[in-house]
PDB file of N, CA and C in Angstrom:
ATOM      1  N   MET A   1       8.355   1.827  -0.297  1.00  0.00           N
ATOM      2  CA  MET A   1       7.555   1.539   0.890  1.00  0.00           C
ATOM      3  C   MET A   1       6.663   2.747   1.202  1.00  0.00           C
ATOM      4  N   TYR A   2       5.645   2.508   1.961  1.00  0.00           N
ATOM      5  CA  TYR A   2       4.671   3.536   2.315  1.00  0.00           C
ATOM      6  C   TYR A   2       4.738   3.811   3.822  1.00  0.00           C
ATOM      7  N   PRO A   3       4.254   4.966   4.281  1.00  0.00           N
ATOM      8  CA  PRO A   3       4.264   5.284   5.716  1.00  0.00           C
ATOM      9  C   PRO A   3       3.165   4.544   6.469  1.00  0.00           C
ATOM     10  N   GLU A   4       3.286   4.554   7.791  1.00  0.00           N
ATOM     11  CA  GLU A   4       2.279   3.972   8.664  1.00  0.00           C
ATOM     12  C   GLU A   4       1.805   5.031   9.647  1.00  0.00           C
ATOM     13  N   ILE A   5       0.605   4.831  10.186  1.00  0.00           N
ATOM     14  CA  ILE A   5       0.029   5.726  11.176  1.00  0.00           C
ATOM     15  C   ILE A   5      -0.663   4.864  12.232  1.00  0.00           C
ATOM     16  N   THR A   6      -0.636   5.305  13.476  1.00  0.00           N
ATOM     17  CA  THR A   6      -1.296   4.540  14.528  1.00  0.00           C
ATOM     18  C   THR A   6      -2.773   4.930  14.608  1.00  0.00           C
ATOM     19  N   PRO A   7      -3.598   4.038  15.145  1.00  0.00           N
ATOM     20  CA  PRO A   7      -5.003   4.400  15.349  1.00  0.00           C
ATOM     21  C   PRO A   7      -5.161   5.642  16.227  1.00  0.00           C
ATOM     22  N   ALA A   8      -4.316   5.789  17.232  1.00  0.00           N
ATOM     23  CA  ALA A   8      -4.393   6.976  18.099  1.00  0.00           C
ATOM     24  C   ALA A   8      -4.128   8.250  17.309  1.00  0.00           C
ATOM     25  N   GLU A   9      -3.183   8.206  16.368  1.00  0.00           N
ATOM     26  CA  GLU A   9      -2.895   9.386  15.542  1.00  0.00           C
ATOM     27  C   GLU A   9      -4.076   9.704  14.631  1.00  0.00           C
ATOM     28  N   VAL A  10      -4.697   8.669  14.063  1.00  0.00           N
ATOM     29  CA  VAL A  10      -5.870   8.883  13.212  1.00  0.00           C
ATOM     30  C   VAL A  10      -6.987   9.512  14.039  1.00  0.00           C
ATOM     31  N   GLU A  11      -7.243   8.961  15.223  1.00  0.00           N
ATOM     32  CA  GLU A  11      -8.295   9.488  16.090  1.00  0.00           C
ATOM     33  C   GLU A  11      -8.036  10.954  16.442  1.00  0.00           C
ATOM     34  N   GLU A  12      -6.800  11.282  16.770  1.00  0.00           N
ATOM     35  CA  GLU A  12      -6.445  12.660  17.124  1.00  0.00           C
ATOM     36  C   GLU A  12      -6.666  13.607  15.945  1.00  0.00           C
ATOM     37  N   ARG A  13      -6.258  13.179  14.762  1.00  0.00           N
ATOM     38  CA  ARG A  13      -6.452  14.022  13.577  1.00  0.00           C
ATOM     39  C   ARG A  13      -7.930  14.246  13.287  1.00  0.00           C
ATOM     40  N   LEU A  14      -8.748  13.197  13.459  1.00  0.00           N
ATOM     41  CA  LEU A  14     -10.191  13.350  13.254  1.00  0.00           C
ATOM     42  C   LEU A  14     -10.782  14.296  14.291  1.00  0.00           C
ATOM     43  N   LYS A  15     -10.356  14.166  15.549  1.00  0.00           N
ATOM     44  CA  LYS A  15     -10.851  15.049  16.614  1.00  0.00           C
ATOM     45  C   LYS A  15     -10.475  16.496  16.353  1.00  0.00           C
ATOM     46  N   ASN A  16      -9.344  16.708  15.668  1.00  0.00           N
ATOM     47  CA  ASN A  16      -8.897  18.061  15.328  1.00  0.00           C
ATOM     48  C   ASN A  16      -9.583  18.613  14.085  1.00  0.00           C
ATOM     49  N   GLY A  17     -10.525  17.835  13.540  1.00  0.00           N
ATOM     50  CA  GLY A  17     -11.304  18.307  12.408  1.00  0.00           C
ATOM     51  C   GLY A  17     -10.687  18.077  11.048  1.00  0.00           C
ATOM     52  N   GLU A  18      -9.608  17.312  10.985  1.00  0.00           N
ATOM     53  CA  GLU A  18      -9.004  17.031   9.684  1.00  0.00           C
ATOM     54  C   GLU A  18      -9.917  16.128   8.864  1.00  0.00           C
ATOM     55  N   LYS A  19      -9.972  16.399   7.577  1.00  0.00           N
ATOM     56  CA  LYS A  19     -10.722  15.548   6.662  1.00  0.00           C
ATOM     57  C   LYS A  19      -9.749  14.488   6.148  1.00  0.00           C
ATOM     58  N   LEU A  20      -9.937  13.260   6.597  1.00  0.00           N
ATOM     59  CA  LEU A  20      -9.064  12.168   6.189  1.00  0.00           C
ATOM     60  C   LEU A  20      -9.800  11.256   5.218  1.00  0.00           C
ATOM     61  N   HIS A  21      -9.061  10.695   4.295  1.00  0.00           N
ATOM     62  CA  HIS A  21      -9.626   9.720   3.368  1.00  0.00           C
ATOM     63  C   HIS A  21      -9.281   8.333   3.890  1.00  0.00           C
ATOM     64  N   LEU A  22     -10.189   7.800   4.737  1.00  0.00           N
ATOM     65  CA  LEU A  22     -10.010   6.484   5.339  1.00  0.00           C
ATOM     66  C   LEU A  22     -10.707   5.446   4.476  1.00  0.00           C
ATOM     67  N   ILE A  23      -9.964   4.403   4.098  1.00  0.00           N
ATOM     68  CA  ILE A  23     -10.510   3.336   3.273  1.00  0.00           C
ATOM     69  C   ILE A  23     -10.428   2.039   4.061  1.00  0.00           C
ATOM     70  N   ASP A  24     -11.581   1.457   4.383  1.00  0.00           N
ATOM     71  CA  ASP A  24     -11.659   0.211   5.149  1.00  0.00           C
ATOM     72  C   ASP A  24     -11.749  -0.943   4.155  1.00  0.00           C
ATOM     73  N   VAL A  25     -10.757  -1.841   4.177  1.00  0.00           N
ATOM     74  CA  VAL A  25     -10.692  -2.920   3.189  1.00  0.00           C
ATOM     75  C   VAL A  25     -11.269  -4.238   3.705  1.00  0.00           C
ATOM     76  N   ARG A  26     -11.906  -4.209   4.880  1.00  0.00           N
ATOM     77  CA  ARG A  26     -12.521  -5.429   5.404  1.00  0.00           C
ATOM     78  C   ARG A  26     -13.789  -5.773   4.617  1.00  0.00           C
ATOM     79  N   GLU A  27     -14.235  -6.998   4.762  1.00  0.00           N
ATOM     80  CA  GLU A  27     -15.437  -7.445   4.053  1.00  0.00           C
ATOM     81  C   GLU A  27     -16.690  -6.858   4.704  1.00  0.00           C
ATOM     82  N   ASP A  28     -17.821  -6.929   3.997  1.00  0.00           N
ATOM     83  CA  ASP A  28     -19.058  -6.276   4.423  1.00  0.00           C
ATOM     84  C   ASP A  28     -19.500  -6.659   5.830  1.00  0.00           C
ATOM     85  N   ASP A  29     -19.408  -7.941   6.196  1.00  0.00           N
ATOM     86  CA  ASP A  29     -19.863  -8.349   7.523  1.00  0.00           C
ATOM     87  C   ASP A  29     -18.998  -7.727   8.622  1.00  0.00           C
ATOM     88  N   GLU A  30     -17.698  -7.605   8.367  1.00  0.00           N
ATOM     89  CA  GLU A  30     -16.800  -6.973   9.336  1.00  0.00           C
ATOM     90  C   GLU A  30     -17.112  -5.477   9.453  1.00  0.00           C
ATOM     91  N   TRP A  31     -17.338  -4.845   8.317  1.00  0.00           N
ATOM     92  CA  TRP A  31     -17.675  -3.424   8.268  1.00  0.00           C
ATOM     93  C   TRP A  31     -18.939  -3.152   9.084  1.00  0.00           C
ATOM     94  N   GLU A  32     -19.981  -3.947   8.853  1.00  0.00           N
ATOM     95  CA  GLU A  32     -21.252  -3.752   9.537  1.00  0.00           C
ATOM     96  C   GLU A  32     -21.133  -3.985  11.036  1.00  0.00           C
ATOM     97  N   ALA A  33     -20.170  -4.811  11.472  1.00  0.00           N
ATOM     98  CA  ALA A  33     -19.978  -5.111  12.892  1.00  0.00           C
ATOM     99  C   ALA A  33     -19.264  -3.978  13.628  1.00  0.00           C
ATOM    100  N   GLY A  34     -18.756  -2.984  12.888  1.00  0.00           N
ATOM    101  CA  GLY A  34     -18.132  -1.828  13.512  1.00  0.00           C
ATOM    102  C   GLY A  34     -17.016  -1.251  12.676  1.00  0.00           C
ATOM    103  N   HIS A  35     -17.128   0.049  12.376  1.00  0.00           N
ATOM    104  CA  HIS A  35     -16.138   0.731  11.544  1.00  0.00           C
ATOM    105  C   HIS A  35     -15.996   2.188  11.984  1.00  0.00           C
ATOM    106  N   ILE A  36     -14.967   2.829  11.500  1.00  0.00           N
ATOM    107  CA  ILE A  36     -14.767   4.257  11.744  1.00  0.00           C
ATOM    108  C   ILE A  36     -15.792   5.003  10.887  1.00  0.00           C
ATOM    109  N   GLY A  37     -16.575   5.846  11.523  1.00  0.00           N
ATOM    110  CA  GLY A  37     -17.676   6.515  10.831  1.00  0.00           C
ATOM    111  C   GLY A  37     -17.282   7.279   9.585  1.00  0.00           C
ATOM    112  N   GLU A  38     -16.084   7.856   9.577  1.00  0.00           N
ATOM    113  CA  GLU A  38     -15.630   8.660   8.428  1.00  0.00           C
ATOM    114  C   GLU A  38     -15.056   7.813   7.292  1.00  0.00           C
ATOM    115  N   ALA A  39     -14.949   6.508   7.493  1.00  0.00           N
ATOM    116  CA  ALA A  39     -14.311   5.638   6.503  1.00  0.00           C
ATOM    117  C   ALA A  39     -15.256   5.271   5.361  1.00  0.00           C
ATOM    118  N   LEU A  40     -14.647   4.905   4.243  1.00  0.00           N
ATOM    119  CA  LEU A  40     -15.333   4.376   3.074  1.00  0.00           C
ATOM    120  C   LEU A  40     -15.040   2.885   3.014  1.00  0.00           C
ATOM    121  N   SER A  41     -16.046   2.085   2.733  1.00  0.00           N
ATOM    122  CA  SER A  41     -15.849   0.640   2.615  1.00  0.00           C
ATOM    123  C   SER A  41     -15.479   0.263   1.182  1.00  0.00           C
ATOM    124  N   LEU A  42     -14.335  -0.404   1.033  1.00  0.00           N
ATOM    125  CA  LEU A  42     -13.931  -0.976  -0.252  1.00  0.00           C
ATOM    126  C   LEU A  42     -13.233  -2.306   0.056  1.00  0.00           C
ATOM    127  N   PRO A  43     -14.030  -3.396   0.146  1.00  0.00           N
ATOM    128  CA  PRO A  43     -13.472  -4.695   0.534  1.00  0.00           C
ATOM    129  C   PRO A  43     -12.317  -5.129  -0.366  1.00  0.00           C
ATOM    130  N   LEU A  44     -11.320  -5.733   0.267  1.00  0.00           N
ATOM    131  CA  LEU A  44     -10.150  -6.201  -0.474  1.00  0.00           C
ATOM    132  C   LEU A  44     -10.551  -7.147  -1.598  1.00  0.00           C
ATOM    133  N   SER A  45     -11.613  -7.932  -1.397  1.00  0.00           N
ATOM    134  CA  SER A  45     -12.070  -8.871  -2.424  1.00  0.00           C
ATOM    135  C   SER A  45     -12.563  -8.156  -3.679  1.00  0.00           C
ATOM    136  N   GLN A  46     -12.874  -6.864  -3.581  1.00  0.00           N
ATOM    137  CA  GLN A  46     -13.344  -6.078  -4.734  1.00  0.00           C
ATOM    138  C   GLN A  46     -12.292  -5.093  -5.232  1.00  0.00           C
ATOM    139  N   PHE A  47     -11.137  -5.115  -4.619  1.00  0.00           N
ATOM    140  CA  PHE A  47     -10.119  -4.108  -4.897  1.00  0.00           C
ATOM    141  C   PHE A  47      -9.700  -4.051  -6.355  1.00  0.00           C
ATOM    142  N   GLY A  48      -9.458  -5.203  -6.944  1.00  0.00           N
ATOM    143  CA  GLY A  48      -8.983  -5.254  -8.332  1.00  0.00           C
ATOM    144  C   GLY A  48      -9.899  -4.537  -9.304  1.00  0.00           C
ATOM    145  N   GLU A  49     -11.215  -4.673  -9.089  1.00  0.00           N
ATOM    146  CA  GLU A  49     -12.179  -4.049 -10.000  1.00  0.00           C
ATOM    147  C   GLU A  49     -12.502  -2.611  -9.632  1.00  0.00           C
ATOM    148  N   ARG A  50     -12.303  -2.226  -8.356  1.00  0.00           N
ATOM    149  CA  ARG A  50     -12.826  -0.936  -7.902  1.00  0.00           C
ATOM    150  C   ARG A  50     -11.791   0.087  -7.443  1.00  0.00           C
ATOM    151  N   TYR A  51     -10.518  -0.280  -7.381  1.00  0.00           N
ATOM    152  CA  TYR A  51      -9.543   0.651  -6.801  1.00  0.00           C
ATOM    153  C   TYR A  51      -9.483   1.990  -7.527  1.00  0.00           C
ATOM    154  N   GLU A  52      -9.822   2.013  -8.810  1.00  0.00           N
ATOM    155  CA  GLU A  52      -9.762   3.274  -9.565  1.00  0.00           C
ATOM    156  C   GLU A  52     -10.832   4.264  -9.128  1.00  0.00           C
ATOM    157  N   GLU A  53     -11.794   3.825  -8.284  1.00  0.00           N
ATOM    158  CA  GLU A  53     -12.788   4.744  -7.719  1.00  0.00           C
ATOM    159  C   GLU A  53     -12.141   5.672  -6.687  1.00  0.00           C
ATOM    160  N   LEU A  54     -10.980   5.290  -6.192  1.00  0.00           N
ATOM    161  CA  LEU A  54     -10.305   6.068  -5.152  1.00  0.00           C
ATOM    162  C   LEU A  54      -9.601   7.276  -5.760  1.00  0.00           C
ATOM    163  N   PRO A  55      -9.613   8.412  -5.056  1.00  0.00           N
ATOM    164  CA  PRO A  55      -8.974   9.620  -5.583  1.00  0.00           C
ATOM    165  C   PRO A  55      -7.452   9.506  -5.555  1.00  0.00           C
ATOM    166  N   LYS A  56      -6.843   9.496  -6.725  1.00  0.00           N
ATOM    167  CA  LYS A  56      -5.395   9.330  -6.821  1.00  0.00           C
ATOM    168  C   LYS A  56      -4.642  10.556  -6.307  1.00  0.00           C
ATOM    169  N   GLU A  57      -5.298  11.716  -6.339  1.00  0.00           N
ATOM    170  CA  GLU A  57      -4.639  12.958  -5.931  1.00  0.00           C
ATOM    171  C   GLU A  57      -4.705  13.187  -4.419  1.00  0.00           C
ATOM    172  N   GLU A  58      -5.424  12.334  -3.696  1.00  0.00           N
ATOM    173  CA  GLU A  58      -5.580  12.488  -2.247  1.00  0.00           C
ATOM    174  C   GLU A  58      -4.720  11.479  -1.483  1.00  0.00           C
ATOM    175  N   ALA A  59      -4.335  11.845  -0.263  1.00  0.00           N
ATOM    176  CA  ALA A  59      -3.634  10.914   0.625  1.00  0.00           C
ATOM    177  C   ALA A  59      -4.674   9.976   1.233  1.00  0.00           C
ATOM    178  N   LEU A  60      -4.459   8.682   1.113  1.00  0.00           N
ATOM    179  CA  LEU A  60      -5.397   7.681   1.604  1.00  0.00           C
ATOM    180  C   LEU A  60      -4.810   6.957   2.811  1.00  0.00           C
ATOM    181  N   ILE A  61      -5.652   6.691   3.804  1.00  0.00           N
ATOM    182  CA  ILE A  61      -5.261   5.885   4.957  1.00  0.00           C
ATOM    183  C   ILE A  61      -6.080   4.607   4.901  1.00  0.00           C
ATOM    184  N   LEU A  62      -5.398   3.459   4.818  1.00  0.00           N
ATOM    185  CA  LEU A  62      -6.093   2.188   4.700  1.00  0.00           C
ATOM    186  C   LEU A  62      -6.188   1.483   6.038  1.00  0.00           C
ATOM    187  N   VAL A  63      -7.363   0.863   6.272  1.00  0.00           N
ATOM    188  CA  VAL A  63      -7.710   0.254   7.544  1.00  0.00           C
ATOM    189  C   VAL A  63      -8.228  -1.159   7.303  1.00  0.00           C
ATOM    190  N   CYS A  64      -7.882  -2.090   8.189  1.00  0.00           N
ATOM    191  CA  CYS A  64      -8.502  -3.418   8.194  1.00  0.00           C
ATOM    192  C   CYS A  64      -8.644  -3.870   9.640  1.00  0.00           C
ATOM    193  N   ARG A  65      -8.718  -5.156   9.885  1.00  0.00           N
ATOM    194  CA  ARG A  65      -8.899  -5.666  11.245  1.00  0.00           C
ATOM    195  C   ARG A  65      -7.648  -5.473  12.079  1.00  0.00           C
ATOM    196  N   SER A  66      -6.473  -5.856  11.501  1.00  0.00           N
ATOM    197  CA  SER A  66      -5.234  -5.821  12.293  1.00  0.00           C
ATOM    198  C   SER A  66      -4.071  -5.113  11.605  1.00  0.00           C
ATOM    199  N   GLY A  67      -4.224  -4.736  10.354  1.00  0.00           N
ATOM    200  CA  GLY A  67      -3.163  -4.047   9.621  1.00  0.00           C
ATOM    201  C   GLY A  67      -2.553  -4.856   8.498  1.00  0.00           C
ATOM    202  N   GLY A  68      -2.855  -6.151   8.428  1.00  0.00           N
ATOM    203  CA  GLY A  68      -2.278  -7.005   7.390  1.00  0.00           C
ATOM    204  C   GLY A  68      -2.884  -6.807   6.008  1.00  0.00           C
ATOM    205  N   ARG A  69      -4.216  -6.905   5.928  1.00  0.00           N
ATOM    206  CA  ARG A  69      -4.873  -6.728   4.628  1.00  0.00           C
ATOM    207  C   ARG A  69      -4.710  -5.306   4.117  1.00  0.00           C
ATOM    208  N   SER A  70      -4.785  -4.330   5.026  1.00  0.00           N
ATOM    209  CA  SER A  70      -4.594  -2.946   4.589  1.00  0.00           C
ATOM    210  C   SER A  70      -3.164  -2.745   4.101  1.00  0.00           C
ATOM    211  N   GLY A  71      -2.216  -3.471   4.678  1.00  0.00           N
ATOM    212  CA  GLY A  71      -0.837  -3.418   4.197  1.00  0.00           C
ATOM    213  C   GLY A  71      -0.716  -3.955   2.778  1.00  0.00           C
ATOM    214  N   ARG A  72      -1.408  -5.055   2.499  1.00  0.00           N
ATOM    215  CA  ARG A  72      -1.403  -5.605   1.129  1.00  0.00           C
ATOM    216  C   ARG A  72      -2.050  -4.623   0.158  1.00  0.00           C
ATOM    217  N   ALA A  73      -3.145  -3.993   0.597  1.00  0.00           N
ATOM    218  CA  ALA A  73      -3.807  -2.999  -0.252  1.00  0.00           C
ATOM    219  C   ALA A  73      -2.885  -1.802  -0.485  1.00  0.00           C
ATOM    220  N   CYS A  74      -2.137  -1.404   0.548  1.00  0.00           N
ATOM    221  CA  CYS A  74      -1.168  -0.311   0.394  1.00  0.00           C
ATOM    222  C   CYS A  74      -0.094  -0.685  -0.622  1.00  0.00           C
ATOM    223  N   ASP A  75       0.416  -1.901  -0.532  1.00  0.00           N
ATOM    224  CA  ASP A  75       1.422  -2.367  -1.504  1.00  0.00           C
ATOM    225  C   ASP A  75       0.889  -2.212  -2.925  1.00  0.00           C
ATOM    226  N   PHE A  76      -0.333  -2.697  -3.144  1.00  0.00           N
ATOM    227  CA  PHE A  76      -0.946  -2.650  -4.468  1.00  0.00           C
ATOM    228  C   PHE A  76      -1.141  -1.216  -4.939  1.00  0.00           C
ATOM    229  N   LEU A  77      -1.772  -0.386  -4.100  1.00  0.00           N
ATOM    230  CA  LEU A  77      -2.049   0.996  -4.502  1.00  0.00           C
ATOM    231  C   LEU A  77      -0.776   1.813  -4.687  1.00  0.00           C
ATOM    232  N   HIS A  78       0.199   1.599  -3.830  1.00  0.00           N
ATOM    233  CA  HIS A  78       1.480   2.299  -3.957  1.00  0.00           C
ATOM    234  C   HIS A  78       2.107   2.003  -5.317  1.00  0.00           C
ATOM    235  N   ALA A  79       2.023   0.752  -5.742  1.00  0.00           N
ATOM    236  CA  ALA A  79       2.565   0.363  -7.056  1.00  0.00           C
ATOM    237  C   ALA A  79       1.809   1.025  -8.203  1.00  0.00           C
ATOM    238  N   GLN A  80       0.540   1.423  -7.952  1.00  0.00           N
ATOM    239  CA  GLN A  80      -0.259   2.109  -8.976  1.00  0.00           C
ATOM    240  C   GLN A  80      -0.071   3.618  -8.930  1.00  0.00           C
ATOM    241  N   GLY A  81       0.770   4.103  -8.004  1.00  0.00           N
ATOM    242  CA  GLY A  81       1.041   5.529  -7.921  1.00  0.00           C
ATOM    243  C   GLY A  81       0.189   6.298  -6.924  1.00  0.00           C
ATOM    244  N   TYR A  82      -0.529   5.598  -6.060  1.00  0.00           N
ATOM    245  CA  TYR A  82      -1.356   6.263  -5.047  1.00  0.00           C
ATOM    246  C   TYR A  82      -0.509   6.654  -3.839  1.00  0.00           C
ATOM    247  N   ASN A  83      -0.946   7.695  -3.144  1.00  0.00           N
ATOM    248  CA  ASN A  83      -0.319   8.164  -1.903  1.00  0.00           C
ATOM    249  C   ASN A  83      -1.052   7.483  -0.748  1.00  0.00           C
ATOM    250  N   VAL A  84      -0.452   6.416  -0.180  1.00  0.00           N
ATOM    251  CA  VAL A  84      -1.136   5.608   0.824  1.00  0.00           C
ATOM    252  C   VAL A  84      -0.370   5.537   2.138  1.00  0.00           C
ATOM    253  N   THR A  85      -1.130   5.343   3.218  1.00  0.00           N
ATOM    254  CA  THR A  85      -0.596   5.131   4.558  1.00  0.00           C
ATOM    255  C   THR A  85      -1.383   3.981   5.175  1.00  0.00           C
ATOM    256  N   ASN A  86      -0.699   3.080   5.860  1.00  0.00           N
ATOM    257  CA  ASN A  86      -1.362   1.958   6.520  1.00  0.00           C
ATOM    258  C   ASN A  86      -1.603   2.292   7.990  1.00  0.00           C
ATOM    259  N   MET A  87      -2.837   2.037   8.478  1.00  0.00           N
ATOM    260  CA  MET A  87      -3.125   2.208   9.896  1.00  0.00           C
ATOM    261  C   MET A  87      -2.725   0.915  10.619  1.00  0.00           C
ATOM    262  N   THR A  88      -1.625   0.985  11.355  1.00  0.00           N
ATOM    263  CA  THR A  88      -1.096  -0.185  12.047  1.00  0.00           C
ATOM    264  C   THR A  88      -2.044  -0.627  13.154  1.00  0.00           C
ATOM    265  N   GLY A  89      -2.152  -1.927  13.344  1.00  0.00           N
ATOM    266  CA  GLY A  89      -3.015  -2.457  14.395  1.00  0.00           C
ATOM    267  C   GLY A  89      -4.476  -2.563  14.013  1.00  0.00           C
ATOM    268  N   GLY A  90      -4.881  -1.833  12.969  1.00  0.00           N
ATOM    269  CA  GLY A  90      -6.244  -1.915  12.462  1.00  0.00           C
ATOM    270  C   GLY A  90      -7.314  -1.609  13.501  1.00  0.00           C
ATOM    271  N   MET A  91      -8.500  -2.137  13.255  1.00  0.00           N
ATOM    272  CA  MET A  91      -9.636  -1.889  14.143  1.00  0.00           C
ATOM    273  C   MET A  91      -9.447  -2.548  15.504  1.00  0.00           C
ATOM    274  N   LEU A  92      -8.612  -3.572  15.594  1.00  0.00           N
ATOM    275  CA  LEU A  92      -8.342  -4.183  16.897  1.00  0.00           C
ATOM    276  C   LEU A  92      -7.706  -3.177  17.855  1.00  0.00           C
ATOM    277  N   ALA A  93      -6.959  -2.219  17.303  1.00  0.00           N
ATOM    278  CA  ALA A  93      -6.271  -1.217  18.123  1.00  0.00           C
ATOM    279  C   ALA A  93      -7.024   0.113  18.179  1.00  0.00           C
ATOM    280  N   TRP A  94      -8.172   0.193  17.530  1.00  0.00           N
ATOM    281  CA  TRP A  94      -8.946   1.431  17.465  1.00  0.00           C
ATOM    282  C   TRP A  94      -9.705   1.643  18.767  1.00  0.00           C
ATOM    283  N   ASN A  95      -9.510   2.784  19.410  1.00  0.00           N
ATOM    284  CA  ASN A  95     -10.213   3.111  20.655  1.00  0.00           C
ATOM    285  C   ASN A  95     -11.207   4.241  20.473  1.00  0.00           C
ATOM    286  N   GLY A  96     -11.328   4.743  19.255  1.00  0.00           N
ATOM    287  CA  GLY A  96     -12.252   5.852  18.993  1.00  0.00           C
ATOM    288  C   GLY A  96     -13.677   5.371  18.819  1.00  0.00           C
ATOM    289  N   GLU A  97     -14.534   6.303  18.420  1.00  0.00           N
ATOM    290  CA  GLU A  97     -15.933   5.977  18.196  1.00  0.00           C
ATOM    291  C   GLU A  97     -16.060   4.992  17.048  1.00  0.00           C
ATOM    292  N   VAL A  98     -17.080   4.145  17.148  1.00  0.00           N
ATOM    293  CA  VAL A  98     -17.337   3.118  16.143  1.00  0.00           C
ATOM    294  C   VAL A  98     -18.763   3.267  15.645  1.00  0.00           C
ATOM    295  N   ALA A  99     -18.931   3.191  14.331  1.00  0.00           N
ATOM    296  CA  ALA A  99     -20.251   3.199  13.713  1.00  0.00           C
ATOM    297  C   ALA A  99     -20.606   1.765  13.336  1.00  0.00           C
ATOM    298  N   TYR A 100     -21.903   1.466  13.305  1.00  0.00           N
ATOM    299  CA  TYR A 100     -22.360   0.111  12.993  1.00  0.00           C
ATOM    300  C   TYR A 100     -23.331   0.125  11.829  1.00  0.00           C
ATOM    301  N   GLY A 101     -23.437  -1.020  11.163  1.00  0.00           N
ATOM    302  CA  GLY A 101     -24.358  -1.155  10.042  1.00  0.00           C
ATOM    303  C   GLY A 101     -23.728  -0.673   8.757  1.00  0.00           C
ATOM    304  N   LYS A 102     -24.570  -0.516   7.737  1.00  0.00           N
ATOM    305  CA  LYS A 102     -24.070  -0.113   6.435  1.00  0.00           C
ATOM    306  C   LYS A 102     -23.821   1.330   6.470  1.00  0.00           C
TER     307      LYS A 102
END
């Protein structure tokens, strides 16, 4: 199993200047409607072909709308040997700054 982190903890770490590897697995339209500015977009629908683009040596925090899809992505990446953490509650629970567009 992999660890979990709350949106408030992610926001606090970002405010403290930590460089986090946030991976947003929502689809493009969801991403454009609002995302964490420091996140990278890698839609779950493209995961199978693109997951190897992610740095295996870095700790990754996965984000989606509510925590379900990012949990599935964590399951997959964890099985591939990645160091992953799921952001519980997803963007629905995010109270930090939001970026829009691509």
